[in-house]
C-alpha atoms as a PDB file:
ATOM      1  CA  UNK A   1      83.148 -67.720  79.021  1.00  0.00           C
ATOM      2  CA  UNK A   2      79.962 -69.438  77.825  1.00  0.00           C
ATOM      3  CA  UNK A   3      77.148 -67.357  76.423  1.00  0.00           C
ATOM      4  CA  UNK A   4      73.686 -67.385  77.980  1.00  0.00           C
ATOM      5  CA  UNK A   5      72.177 -69.061  74.903  1.00  0.00           C
ATOM      6  CA  UNK A   6      74.683 -71.944  75.039  1.00  0.00           C
ATOM      7  CA  UNK A   7      74.071 -72.352  78.750  1.00  0.00           C
ATOM      8  CA  UNK A   8      70.285 -72.333  78.471  1.00  0.00           C
ATOM      9  CA  UNK A   9      70.391 -75.108  75.888  1.00  0.00           C
ATOM     10  CA  UNK A  10      71.831 -77.379  78.604  1.00  0.00           C
ATOM     11  CA  UNK A  11      69.599 -76.439  81.539  1.00  0.00           C
ATOM     12  CA  UNK A  12      66.244 -77.946  82.472  1.00  0.00           C
ATOM     13  CA  UNK A  13      65.256 -75.941  85.539  1.00  0.00           C
ATOM     14  CA  UNK A  14      62.444 -73.516  84.511  1.00  0.00           C
ATOM     15  CA  UNK A  15      63.373 -70.980  87.215  1.00  0.00           C
ATOM     16  CA  UNK A  16      66.915 -70.614  85.902  1.00  0.00           C
ATOM     17  CA  UNK A  17      65.668 -70.521  82.310  1.00  0.00           C
ATOM     18  CA  UNK A  18      63.199 -67.725  83.187  1.00  0.00           C
ATOM     19  CA  UNK A  19      65.862 -65.707  84.988  1.00  0.00           C
ATOM     20  CA  UNK A  20      68.338 -65.876  82.128  1.00  0.00           C
ATOM     21  CA  UNK A  21      65.671 -65.247  79.511  1.00  0.00           C
ATOM     22  CA  UNK A  22      64.766 -62.085  81.382  1.00  0.00           C
ATOM     23  CA  UNK A  23      68.385 -60.977  81.674  1.00  0.00           C
ATOM     24  CA  UNK A  24      68.915 -61.629  77.981  1.00  0.00           C
ATOM     25  CA  UNK A  25      65.880 -59.532  77.078  1.00  0.00           C
ATOM     26  CA  UNK A  26      67.188 -56.654  79.198  1.00  0.00           C
ATOM     27  CA  UNK A  27      70.312 -56.497  77.035  1.00  0.00           C
ATOM     28  CA  UNK A  28      68.158 -55.218  74.159  1.00  0.00           C
ATOM     29  CA  UNK A  29      67.393 -51.957  75.939  1.00  0.00           C
ATOM     30  CA  UNK A  30      69.296 -49.515  78.123  1.00  0.00           C
ATOM     31  CA  UNK A  31      72.960 -50.294  78.594  1.00  0.00           C
ATOM     32  CA  UNK A  32      73.218 -53.243  76.196  1.00  0.00           C
ATOM     33  CA  UNK A  33      76.869 -53.968  76.861  1.00  0.00           C
ATOM     34  CA  UNK A  34      76.452 -54.083  80.655  1.00  0.00           C
ATOM     35  CA  UNK A  35      73.467 -56.452  80.583  1.00  0.00           C
ATOM     36  CA  UNK A  36      75.112 -58.693  78.007  1.00  0.00           C
ATOM     37  CA  UNK A  37      78.228 -58.905  80.172  1.00  0.00           C
ATOM     38  CA  UNK A  38      76.193 -59.658  83.304  1.00  0.00           C
ATOM     39  CA  UNK A  39      74.297 -62.373  81.458  1.00  0.00           C
ATOM     40  CA  UNK A  40      77.504 -63.989  80.264  1.00  0.00           C
ATOM     41  CA  UNK A  41      79.071 -63.811  83.725  1.00  0.00           C
ATOM     42  CA  UNK A  42      76.036 -65.358  85.368  1.00  0.00           C
ATOM     43  CA  UNK A  43      76.013 -68.107  82.755  1.00  0.00           C
ATOM     44  CA  UNK A  44      79.604 -68.965  83.602  1.00  0.00           C
ATOM     45  CA  UNK A  45      78.743 -69.144  87.310  1.00  0.00           C
ATOM     46  CA  UNK A  46      75.834 -71.487  86.648  1.00  0.00           C
ATOM     47  CA  UNK A  47      77.736 -73.597  84.116  1.00  0.00           C
ATOM     48  CA  UNK A  48      79.138 -76.122  86.657  1.00  0.00           C
ATOM     49  CA  UNK A  49      75.569 -77.105  87.524  1.00  0.00           C
ATOM     50  CA  UNK A  50      74.327 -77.525  83.962  1.00  0.00           C
ATOM     51  CA  UNK A  51      74.107 -80.977  82.457  1.00  0.00           C
ATOM     52  CA  UNK A  52      72.979 -82.527  79.160  1.00  0.00           C
ATOM     53  CA  UNK A  53      69.279 -83.355  79.194  1.00  0.00           C
ATOM     54  CA  UNK A  54      70.018 -87.091  79.237  1.00  0.00           C
ATOM     55  CA  UNK A  55      72.865 -86.938  81.771  1.00  0.00           C
ATOM     56  CA  UNK A  56      72.943 -87.593  85.467  1.00  0.00           C
ATOM     57  CA  UNK A  57      70.709 -85.623  87.770  1.00  0.00           C
ATOM     58  CA  UNK A  58      72.165 -82.283  88.834  1.00  0.00           C
ATOM     59  CA  UNK A  59      71.531 -80.464  92.132  1.00  0.00           C
ATOM     60  CA  UNK A  60      68.417 -78.332  92.501  1.00  0.00           C
ATOM     61  CA  UNK A  61      68.703 -74.962  90.779  1.00  0.00           C
ATOM     62  CA  UNK A  62      70.706 -72.447  92.853  1.00  0.00           C
ATOM     63  CA  UNK A  63      70.100 -68.786  93.419  1.00  0.00           C
ATOM     64  CA  UNK A  64      71.992 -66.479  95.692  1.00  0.00           C
ATOM     65  CA  UNK A  65      74.762 -67.812  97.900  1.00  0.00           C
ATOM     66  CA  UNK A  66      78.009 -69.213  96.497  1.00  0.00           C
ATOM     67  CA  UNK A  67      80.094 -71.868  98.203  1.00  0.00           C
ATOM     68  CA  UNK A  68      83.329 -73.572  97.208  1.00  0.00           C
ATOM     69  CA  UNK A  69      82.869 -77.219  96.212  1.00  0.00           C
ATOM     70  CA  UNK A  70      85.401 -79.172  94.139  1.00  0.00           C
ATOM     71  CA  UNK A  71      87.156 -75.895  93.335  1.00  0.00           C
ATOM     72  CA  UNK A  72      84.087 -74.677  91.435  1.00  0.00           C
ATOM     73  CA  UNK A  73      81.530 -72.033  92.452  1.00  0.00           C
ATOM     74  CA  UNK A  74      78.201 -73.553  93.476  1.00  0.00           C
ATOM     75  CA  UNK A  75      75.199 -71.262  93.983  1.00  0.00           C
ATOM     76  CA  UNK A  76      72.427 -72.343  96.313  1.00  0.00           C
ATOM     77  CA  UNK A  77      68.864 -71.096  96.123  1.00  0.00           C
ATOM     78  CA  UNK A  78      68.494 -69.007  99.242  1.00  0.00           C
ATOM     79  CA  UNK A  79      65.483 -66.730  99.290  1.00  0.00           C
ATOM     80  CA  UNK A  80      65.608 -65.251 102.769  1.00  0.00           C
ATOM     81  CA  UNK A  81      63.320 -62.576 104.173  1.00  0.00           C
ATOM     82  CA  UNK A  82      65.764 -59.751 103.429  1.00  0.00           C
ATOM     83  CA  UNK A  83      65.954 -60.723  99.748  1.00  0.00           C
ATOM     84  CA  UNK A  84      62.185 -61.026  99.412  1.00  0.00           C
ATOM     85  CA  UNK A  85      61.756 -57.689 101.188  1.00  0.00           C
ATOM     86  CA  UNK A  86      64.291 -56.041  98.860  1.00  0.00           C
ATOM     87  CA  UNK A  87      62.505 -57.362  95.761  1.00  0.00           C
ATOM     88  CA  UNK A  88      59.007 -56.388  96.901  1.00  0.00           C
ATOM     89  CA  UNK A  89      60.191 -52.955  98.089  1.00  0.00           C
ATOM     90  CA  UNK A  90      61.642 -52.266  94.650  1.00  0.00           C
ATOM     91  CA  UNK A  91      58.426 -53.430  92.995  1.00  0.00           C
ATOM     92  CA  UNK A  92      56.296 -51.185  95.208  1.00  0.00           C
ATOM     93  CA  UNK A  93      58.509 -48.097  95.020  1.00  0.00           C
ATOM     94  CA  UNK A  94      58.707 -48.391  91.244  1.00  0.00           C
ATOM     95  CA  UNK A  95      54.944 -47.856  91.175  1.00  0.00           C
ATOM     96  CA  UNK A  96      54.394 -50.661  88.684  1.00  0.00           C
ATOM     97  CA  UNK A  97      51.346 -52.254  90.365  1.00  0.00           C
ATOM     98  CA  UNK A  98      47.857 -50.701  90.379  1.00  0.00           C
ATOM     99  CA  UNK A  99      46.440 -49.504  93.670  1.00  0.00           C
ATOM    100  CA  UNK A 100      44.459 -52.166  95.479  1.00  0.00           C
ATOM    101  CA  UNK A 101      46.376 -55.118  94.011  1.00  0.00           C
ATOM    102  CA  UNK A 102      46.085 -58.054  96.409  1.00  0.00           C
ATOM    103  CA  UNK A 103      49.399 -59.447  97.593  1.00  0.00           C
ATOM    104  CA  UNK A 104      48.224 -62.926  98.529  1.00  0.00           C
ATOM    105  CA  UNK A 105      50.448 -64.977 100.815  1.00  0.00           C
ATOM    106  CA  UNK A 106      49.876 -68.204  98.882  1.00  0.00           C
ATOM    107  CA  UNK A 107      50.557 -66.572  95.530  1.00  0.00           C
ATOM    108  CA  UNK A 108      53.752 -64.897  96.738  1.00  0.00           C
ATOM    109  CA  UNK A 109      54.915 -68.073  98.485  1.00  0.00           C
ATOM    110  CA  UNK A 110      54.670 -69.905  95.154  1.00  0.00           C
ATOM    111  CA  UNK A 111      56.477 -67.143  93.266  1.00  0.00           C
ATOM    112  CA  UNK A 112      59.378 -67.051  95.733  1.00  0.00           C
ATOM    113  CA  UNK A 113      59.280 -70.784  96.538  1.00  0.00           C
ATOM    114  CA  UNK A 114      59.184 -70.179 100.293  1.00  0.00           C
ATOM    115  CA  UNK A 115      56.723 -70.797 103.123  1.00  0.00           C
ATOM    116  CA  UNK A 116      53.662 -68.623 103.689  1.00  0.00           C
ATOM    117  CA  UNK A 117      54.982 -67.815 107.158  1.00  0.00           C
ATOM    118  CA  UNK A 118      58.070 -66.201 105.646  1.00  0.00           C
ATOM    119  CA  UNK A 119      55.933 -64.199 103.226  1.00  0.00           C
ATOM    120  CA  UNK A 120      53.639 -63.143 106.075  1.00  0.00           C
ATOM    121  CA  UNK A 121      56.590 -61.698 108.015  1.00  0.00           C
ATOM    122  CA  UNK A 122      57.738 -59.718 104.988  1.00  0.00           C
ATOM    123  CA  UNK A 123      54.229 -58.363 104.321  1.00  0.00           C
ATOM    124  CA  UNK A 124      53.839 -57.224 107.931  1.00  0.00           C
ATOM    125  CA  UNK A 125      57.200 -55.457 107.686  1.00  0.00           C
ATOM    126  CA  UNK A 126      56.133 -53.713 104.472  1.00  0.00           C
ATOM    127  CA  UNK A 127      52.885 -52.730 106.165  1.00  0.00           C
ATOM    128  CA  UNK A 128      54.798 -51.266 109.110  1.00  0.00           C
ATOM    129  CA  UNK A 129      56.872 -49.275 106.606  1.00  0.00           C
ATOM    130  CA  UNK A 130      53.570 -48.078 105.045  1.00  0.00           C
ATOM    131  CA  UNK A 131      54.470 -49.411 101.625  1.00  0.00           C
ATOM    132  CA  UNK A 132      51.336 -51.594 101.600  1.00  0.00           C
ATOM    133  CA  UNK A 133      48.042 -51.814 103.465  1.00  0.00           C
ATOM    134  CA  UNK A 134      47.501 -54.878 105.655  1.00  0.00           C
ATOM    135  CA  UNK A 135      43.810 -55.427 106.431  1.00  0.00           C
ATOM    136  CA  UNK A 136      42.825 -57.840 109.193  1.00  0.00           C
ATOM    137  CA  UNK A 137      41.076 -60.980 107.868  1.00  0.00           C
ATOM    138  CA  UNK A 138      41.463 -59.754 104.276  1.00  0.00           C
ATOM    139  CA  UNK A 139      45.183 -59.684 103.569  1.00  0.00           C
ATOM    140  CA  UNK A 140      47.737 -57.279 102.098  1.00  0.00           C
ATOM    141  CA  UNK A 141      47.113 -54.813  99.260  1.00  0.00           C
ATOM    142  CA  UNK A 142      49.010 -52.134  97.394  1.00  0.00           C
ATOM    143  CA  UNK A 143      47.966 -48.690  98.560  1.00  0.00           C
ATOM    144  CA  UNK A 144      44.886 -47.186  96.907  1.00  0.00           C
ATOM    145  CA  UNK A 145      43.999 -43.967  98.784  1.00  0.00           C
ATOM    146  CA  UNK A 146      40.943 -41.992  97.767  1.00  0.00           C
ATOM    147  CA  UNK A 147      41.063 -38.259  96.852  1.00  0.00           C
ATOM    148  CA  UNK A 148      39.840 -37.206 100.307  1.00  0.00           C
ATOM    149  CA  UNK A 149      42.669 -39.097 101.990  1.00  0.00           C
ATOM    150  CA  UNK A 150      45.196 -37.485  99.634  1.00  0.00           C
ATOM    151  CA  UNK A 151      43.861 -34.035 100.538  1.00  0.00           C
ATOM    152  CA  UNK A 152      44.008 -34.678 104.293  1.00  0.00           C
ATOM    153  CA  UNK A 153      47.551 -36.084 104.176  1.00  0.00           C
ATOM    154  CA  UNK A 154      48.983 -33.210 102.160  1.00  0.00           C
ATOM    155  CA  UNK A 155      47.201 -30.604 104.253  1.00  0.00           C
ATOM    156  CA  UNK A 156      48.862 -32.085 107.346  1.00  0.00           C
ATOM    157  CA  UNK A 157      52.233 -32.123 105.620  1.00  0.00           C
ATOM    158  CA  UNK A 158      51.962 -28.463 104.604  1.00  0.00           C
ATOM    159  CA  UNK A 159      51.186 -27.431 108.180  1.00  0.00           C
ATOM    160  CA  UNK A 160      53.971 -29.543 109.694  1.00  0.00           C
ATOM    161  CA  UNK A 161      56.744 -29.071 107.138  1.00  0.00           C
ATOM    162  CA  UNK A 162      56.062 -25.381 106.581  1.00  0.00           C
ATOM    163  CA  UNK A 163      56.794 -24.936 110.274  1.00  0.00           C
ATOM    164  CA  UNK A 164      59.856 -27.176 110.116  1.00  0.00           C
ATOM    165  CA  UNK A 165      61.639 -25.124 107.452  1.00  0.00           C
ATOM    166  CA  UNK A 166      60.649 -21.843 109.122  1.00  0.00           C
ATOM    167  CA  UNK A 167      62.355 -23.093 112.283  1.00  0.00           C
ATOM    168  CA  UNK A 168      65.425 -24.412 110.447  1.00  0.00           C
ATOM    169  CA  UNK A 169      66.003 -21.159 108.531  1.00  0.00           C
ATOM    170  CA  UNK A 170      67.014 -19.603 111.875  1.00  0.00           C
ATOM    171  CA  UNK A 171      68.906 -22.550 113.354  1.00  0.00           C
ATOM    172  CA  UNK A 172      70.794 -24.481 110.634  1.00  0.00           C
ATOM    173  CA  UNK A 173      74.481 -25.043 111.322  1.00  0.00           C
ATOM    174  CA  UNK A 174      77.150 -24.995 108.565  1.00  0.00           C
ATOM    175  CA  UNK A 175      77.382 -28.807 108.782  1.00  0.00           C
ATOM    176  CA  UNK A 176      73.627 -29.149 108.303  1.00  0.00           C
ATOM    177  CA  UNK A 177      73.713 -26.831 105.311  1.00  0.00           C
ATOM    178  CA  UNK A 178      76.507 -28.944 103.811  1.00  0.00           C
ATOM    179  CA  UNK A 179      74.505 -32.136 104.419  1.00  0.00           C
ATOM    180  CA  UNK A 180      71.456 -30.670 102.687  1.00  0.00           C
ATOM    181  CA  UNK A 181      73.557 -29.479  99.752  1.00  0.00           C
ATOM    182  CA  UNK A 182      75.060 -32.935  99.322  1.00  0.00           C
ATOM    183  CA  UNK A 183      71.615 -34.546  99.492  1.00  0.00           C
ATOM    184  CA  UNK A 184      70.134 -32.264  96.833  1.00  0.00           C
ATOM    185  CA  UNK A 185      73.118 -32.941  94.563  1.00  0.00           C
ATOM    186  CA  UNK A 186      72.602 -36.701  94.915  1.00  0.00           C
ATOM    187  CA  UNK A 187      68.912 -36.262  94.054  1.00  0.00           C
ATOM    188  CA  UNK A 188      69.861 -34.365  90.915  1.00  0.00           C
ATOM    189  CA  UNK A 189      72.400 -37.008  89.896  1.00  0.00           C
ATOM    190  CA  UNK A 190      69.890 -39.842  90.355  1.00  0.00           C
ATOM    191  CA  UNK A 191      67.373 -38.010  88.194  1.00  0.00           C
ATOM    192  CA  UNK A 192      69.956 -37.335  85.472  1.00  0.00           C
ATOM    193  CA  UNK A 193      70.944 -41.013  85.293  1.00  0.00           C
ATOM    194  CA  UNK A 194      67.319 -42.151  85.124  1.00  0.00           C
ATOM    195  CA  UNK A 195      67.516 -44.018  88.448  1.00  0.00           C
ATOM    196  CA  UNK A 196      63.887 -43.468  89.482  1.00  0.00           C
ATOM    197  CA  UNK A 197      63.998 -45.779  92.488  1.00  0.00           C
ATOM    198  CA  UNK A 198      67.002 -44.003  94.012  1.00  0.00           C
ATOM    199  CA  UNK A 199      65.447 -40.613  93.296  1.00  0.00           C
ATOM    200  CA  UNK A 200      62.190 -41.621  95.016  1.00  0.00           C
ATOM    201  CA  UNK A 201      64.150 -42.772  98.047  1.00  0.00           C
ATOM    202  CA  UNK A 202      66.263 -39.599  98.185  1.00  0.00           C
ATOM    203  CA  UNK A 203      63.231 -37.382  97.586  1.00  0.00           C
ATOM    204  CA  UNK A 204      61.454 -38.800 100.640  1.00  0.00           C
ATOM    205  CA  UNK A 205      64.670 -38.673 102.675  1.00  0.00           C
ATOM    206  CA  UNK A 206      65.012 -34.941 101.931  1.00  0.00           C
ATOM    207  CA  UNK A 207      61.910 -34.357 104.046  1.00  0.00           C
ATOM    208  CA  UNK A 208      63.054 -36.846 106.708  1.00  0.00           C
ATOM    209  CA  UNK A 209      66.403 -35.058 106.868  1.00  0.00           C
ATOM    210  CA  UNK A 210      64.771 -31.677 107.443  1.00  0.00           C
ATOM    211  CA  UNK A 211      62.608 -33.113 110.226  1.00  0.00           C
ATOM    212  CA  UNK A 212      65.597 -34.799 111.899  1.00  0.00           C
ATOM    213  CA  UNK A 213      67.502 -31.495 111.915  1.00  0.00           C
ATOM    214  CA  UNK A 214      64.924 -30.050 114.335  1.00  0.00           C
ATOM    215  CA  UNK A 215      66.078 -32.553 116.955  1.00  0.00           C
ATOM    216  CA  UNK A 216      62.458 -32.948 118.109  1.00  0.00           C
ATOM    217  CA  UNK A 217      61.420 -36.625 118.336  1.00  0.00           C
ATOM    218  CA  UNK A 218      57.683 -35.873 118.048  1.00  0.00           C
ATOM    219  CA  UNK A 219      58.183 -33.871 114.862  1.00  0.00           C
ATOM    220  CA  UNK A 220      60.458 -36.571 113.440  1.00  0.00           C
ATOM    221  CA  UNK A 221      57.874 -39.271 114.155  1.00  0.00           C
ATOM    222  CA  UNK A 222      55.011 -37.320 112.590  1.00  0.00           C
ATOM    223  CA  UNK A 223      57.076 -36.427 109.523  1.00  0.00           C
ATOM    224  CA  UNK A 224      58.075 -40.061 108.970  1.00  0.00           C
ATOM    225  CA  UNK A 225      54.486 -41.239 109.153  1.00  0.00           C
ATOM    226  CA  UNK A 226      53.107 -38.577 106.816  1.00  0.00           C
ATOM    227  CA  UNK A 227      55.925 -38.814 104.279  1.00  0.00           C
ATOM    228  CA  UNK A 228      55.726 -42.603 104.382  1.00  0.00           C
ATOM    229  CA  UNK A 229      52.027 -42.463 103.521  1.00  0.00           C
ATOM    230  CA  UNK A 230      52.711 -40.343 100.439  1.00  0.00           C
ATOM    231  CA  UNK A 231      55.812 -42.166  99.135  1.00  0.00           C
ATOM    232  CA  UNK A 232      53.699 -44.758  97.334  1.00  0.00           C
ATOM    233  CA  UNK A 233      51.442 -42.076  95.861  1.00  0.00           C
ATOM    234  CA  UNK A 234      54.423 -40.335  94.311  1.00  0.00           C
ATOM    235  CA  UNK A 235      55.870 -43.643  93.103  1.00  0.00           C
ATOM    236  CA  UNK A 236      52.703 -44.700  91.303  1.00  0.00           C
ATOM    237  CA  UNK A 237      50.989 -41.492  90.230  1.00  0.00           C
ATOM    238  CA  UNK A 238      53.789 -39.001  89.516  1.00  0.00           C
ATOM    239  CA  UNK A 239      55.543 -39.198  86.125  1.00  0.00           C
ATOM    240  CA  UNK A 240      59.187 -38.466  85.287  1.00  0.00           C
ATOM    241  CA  UNK A 241      58.483 -34.892  84.170  1.00  0.00           C
ATOM    242  CA  UNK A 242      56.876 -34.194  87.551  1.00  0.00           C
ATOM    243  CA  UNK A 243      59.913 -35.742  89.251  1.00  0.00           C
ATOM    244  CA  UNK A 244      62.126 -33.117  87.622  1.00  0.00           C
ATOM    245  CA  UNK A 245      59.841 -30.409  88.980  1.00  0.00           C
ATOM    246  CA  UNK A 246      60.074 -31.898  92.469  1.00  0.00           C
ATOM    247  CA  UNK A 247      63.860 -31.986  92.342  1.00  0.00           C
ATOM    248  CA  UNK A 248      63.993 -28.331  91.265  1.00  0.00           C
ATOM    249  CA  UNK A 249      61.629 -27.403  94.085  1.00  0.00           C
ATOM    250  CA  UNK A 250      63.918 -29.096  96.616  1.00  0.00           C
ATOM    251  CA  UNK A 251      66.832 -27.002  95.336  1.00  0.00           C
ATOM    252  CA  UNK A 252      64.761 -23.832  95.769  1.00  0.00           C
ATOM    253  CA  UNK A 253      63.868 -24.790  99.353  1.00  0.00           C
ATOM    254  CA  UNK A 254      67.506 -25.550 100.125  1.00  0.00           C
ATOM    255  CA  UNK A 255      68.704 -22.183  98.791  1.00  0.00           C
ATOM    256  CA  UNK A 256      66.147 -20.334 100.919  1.00  0.00           C
ATOM    257  CA  UNK A 257      67.254 -22.272 104.003  1.00  0.00           C
ATOM    258  CA  UNK A 258      70.952 -21.766 103.292  1.00  0.00           C
ATOM    259  CA  UNK A 259      70.443 -18.008 103.015  1.00  0.00           C
ATOM    260  CA  UNK A 260      68.294 -17.863 106.170  1.00  0.00           C
ATOM    261  CA  UNK A 261      65.162 -16.644 104.365  1.00  0.00           C
ATOM    262  CA  UNK A 262      62.538 -17.883 106.807  1.00  0.00           C
ATOM    263  CA  UNK A 263      59.376 -16.675 105.046  1.00  0.00           C
ATOM    264  CA  UNK A 264      60.573 -17.782 101.610  1.00  0.00           C
ATOM    265  CA  UNK A 265      61.575 -21.239 102.841  1.00  0.00           C
ATOM    266  CA  UNK A 266      58.158 -21.776 104.417  1.00  0.00           C
ATOM    267  CA  UNK A 267      56.364 -20.494 101.328  1.00  0.00           C
ATOM    268  CA  UNK A 268      58.460 -22.662  98.994  1.00  0.00           C
ATOM    269  CA  UNK A 269      57.790 -25.786 101.083  1.00  0.00           C
ATOM    270  CA  UNK A 270      54.020 -25.308 101.207  1.00  0.00           C
ATOM    271  CA  UNK A 271      53.986 -24.535  97.474  1.00  0.00           C
ATOM    272  CA  UNK A 272      56.098 -27.629  96.764  1.00  0.00           C
ATOM    273  CA  UNK A 273      53.724 -29.904  98.675  1.00  0.00           C
ATOM    274  CA  UNK A 274      50.690 -28.298  97.047  1.00  0.00           C
ATOM    275  CA  UNK A 275      52.245 -28.905  93.618  1.00  0.00           C
ATOM    276  CA  UNK A 276      52.898 -32.570  94.419  1.00  0.00           C
ATOM    277  CA  UNK A 277      49.236 -32.971  95.406  1.00  0.00           C
ATOM    278  CA  UNK A 278      48.132 -31.272  92.200  1.00  0.00           C
ATOM    279  CA  UNK A 279      50.387 -33.478  90.073  1.00  0.00           C
ATOM    280  CA  UNK A 280      48.944 -36.619  91.662  1.00  0.00           C
ATOM    281  CA  UNK A 281      45.261 -35.838  91.280  1.00  0.00           C
ATOM    282  CA  UNK A 282      44.844 -36.084  87.473  1.00  0.00           C
ATOM    283  CA  UNK A 283      46.099 -39.683  87.555  1.00  0.00           C
ATOM    284  CA  UNK A 284      44.365 -40.826  90.737  1.00  0.00           C
ATOM    285  CA  UNK A 285      41.890 -43.039  88.873  1.00  0.00           C
ATOM    286  CA  UNK A 286      44.486 -44.991  86.903  1.00  0.00           C
ATOM    287  CA  UNK A 287      44.001 -48.702  87.585  1.00  0.00           C
ATOM    288  CA  UNK A 288      45.956 -50.587  84.960  1.00  0.00           C
ATOM    289  CA  UNK A 289      49.289 -52.317  85.082  1.00  0.00           C
ATOM    290  CA  UNK A 290      51.233 -55.517  84.472  1.00  0.00           C
ATOM    291  CA  UNK A 291      50.680 -58.749  86.370  1.00  0.00           C
ATOM    292  CA  UNK A 292      52.200 -59.320  89.801  1.00  0.00           C
ATOM    293  CA  UNK A 293      54.255 -62.249  88.499  1.00  0.00           C
ATOM    294  CA  UNK A 294      55.783 -60.310  85.599  1.00  0.00           C
ATOM    295  CA  UNK A 295      56.787 -57.327  87.740  1.00  0.00           C
ATOM    296  CA  UNK A 296      58.303 -59.516  90.467  1.00  0.00           C
ATOM    297  CA  UNK A 297      60.199 -61.513  87.834  1.00  0.00           C
ATOM    298  CA  UNK A 298      61.745 -58.304  86.509  1.00  0.00           C
ATOM    299  CA  UNK A 299      62.938 -57.067  89.879  1.00  0.00           C
ATOM    300  CA  UNK A 300      63.935 -60.536  91.010  1.00  0.00           C
ATOM    301  CA  UNK A 301      66.369 -60.635  88.105  1.00  0.00           C
ATOM    302  CA  UNK A 302      67.803 -57.272  89.133  1.00  0.00           C
ATOM    303  CA  UNK A 303      68.205 -58.102  92.832  1.00  0.00           C
ATOM    304  CA  UNK A 304      69.373 -61.700  92.525  1.00  0.00           C
ATOM    305  CA  UNK A 305      71.560 -61.112  89.491  1.00  0.00           C
ATOM    306  CA  UNK A 306      73.317 -58.249  91.243  1.00  0.00           C
ATOM    307  CA  UNK A 307      73.737 -60.263  94.432  1.00  0.00           C
ATOM    308  CA  UNK A 308      75.215 -63.193  92.517  1.00  0.00           C
ATOM    309  CA  UNK A 309      77.687 -60.981  90.721  1.00  0.00           C
ATOM    310  CA  UNK A 310      78.758 -59.311  93.978  1.00  0.00           C
ATOM    311  CA  UNK A 311      79.194 -62.677  95.683  1.00  0.00           C
ATOM    312  CA  UNK A 312      81.293 -63.976  92.819  1.00  0.00           C
ATOM    313  CA  UNK A 313      83.466 -60.889  92.465  1.00  0.00           C
ATOM    314  CA  UNK A 314      87.100 -61.418  93.537  1.00  0.00           C
ATOM    315  CA  UNK A 315      87.809 -60.041  96.985  1.00  0.00           C
ATOM    316  CA  UNK A 316      90.434 -57.317  97.177  1.00  0.00           C
ATOM    317  CA  UNK A 317      92.686 -57.613 100.217  1.00  0.00           C
END
């Protein structure tokens, strides 16, 4: 199996070179063995398309999909809307971009090498999911709420979700209790393994899950909107130590619900939401961060590299 360094010496395409350079750099930190193995595997998949610098022209650099051709894997650059959405969602939920960063269609179209129309569709989807703010005649921006907006949102959440848990303390079924227990355990596991993105997703879903257990569509809709508007705040402004506090608070709420303690469950929920608001405020003026290109490049390597490895993995009958 060729190494990434040997492969890169034979490749001219700057996109492929950037991707492998990034993957190689990731092997220095974290799980070194896993990243080194991924890099070597990806190099072997790309190897059929590499050529000496003075040789015949090779096909345009590939990305995601693999097809059989001459008994060798060939990867074609396919950057569809789902892939772009997955990359940008990871970037946004990781909280790596400052609030108010402009997500220009032209700039993103160049980064992803796709049409502006495709980027526009993805941005509108992200706006509908409340991960970004789409302003008419101005464009798309990362969320940058002011302190007054933060206060109003969390006040609404305390009123709504305090009532939700008070109701559920009297009505939860054994299956619902089991589902909540499983969810809290998965949150804890994600936090222990350092998977911040998964923890953020599960943390928001904890509140969605409670709302859905009421069976009331109006409550579910309101909870989704309010929680969606605060997901980005937590992603960008709350640090890892605060995340541990939030996970512990979810466990406390679950225990109160499981034991049918109505007043305690309501009190724990309102306290939990008040603590989140407090933990966000000291950092609400932070406005520094890496460039859009560098952050997208990092998550592009994660998403595309993983997709390529899954596509190339042998299928088990």
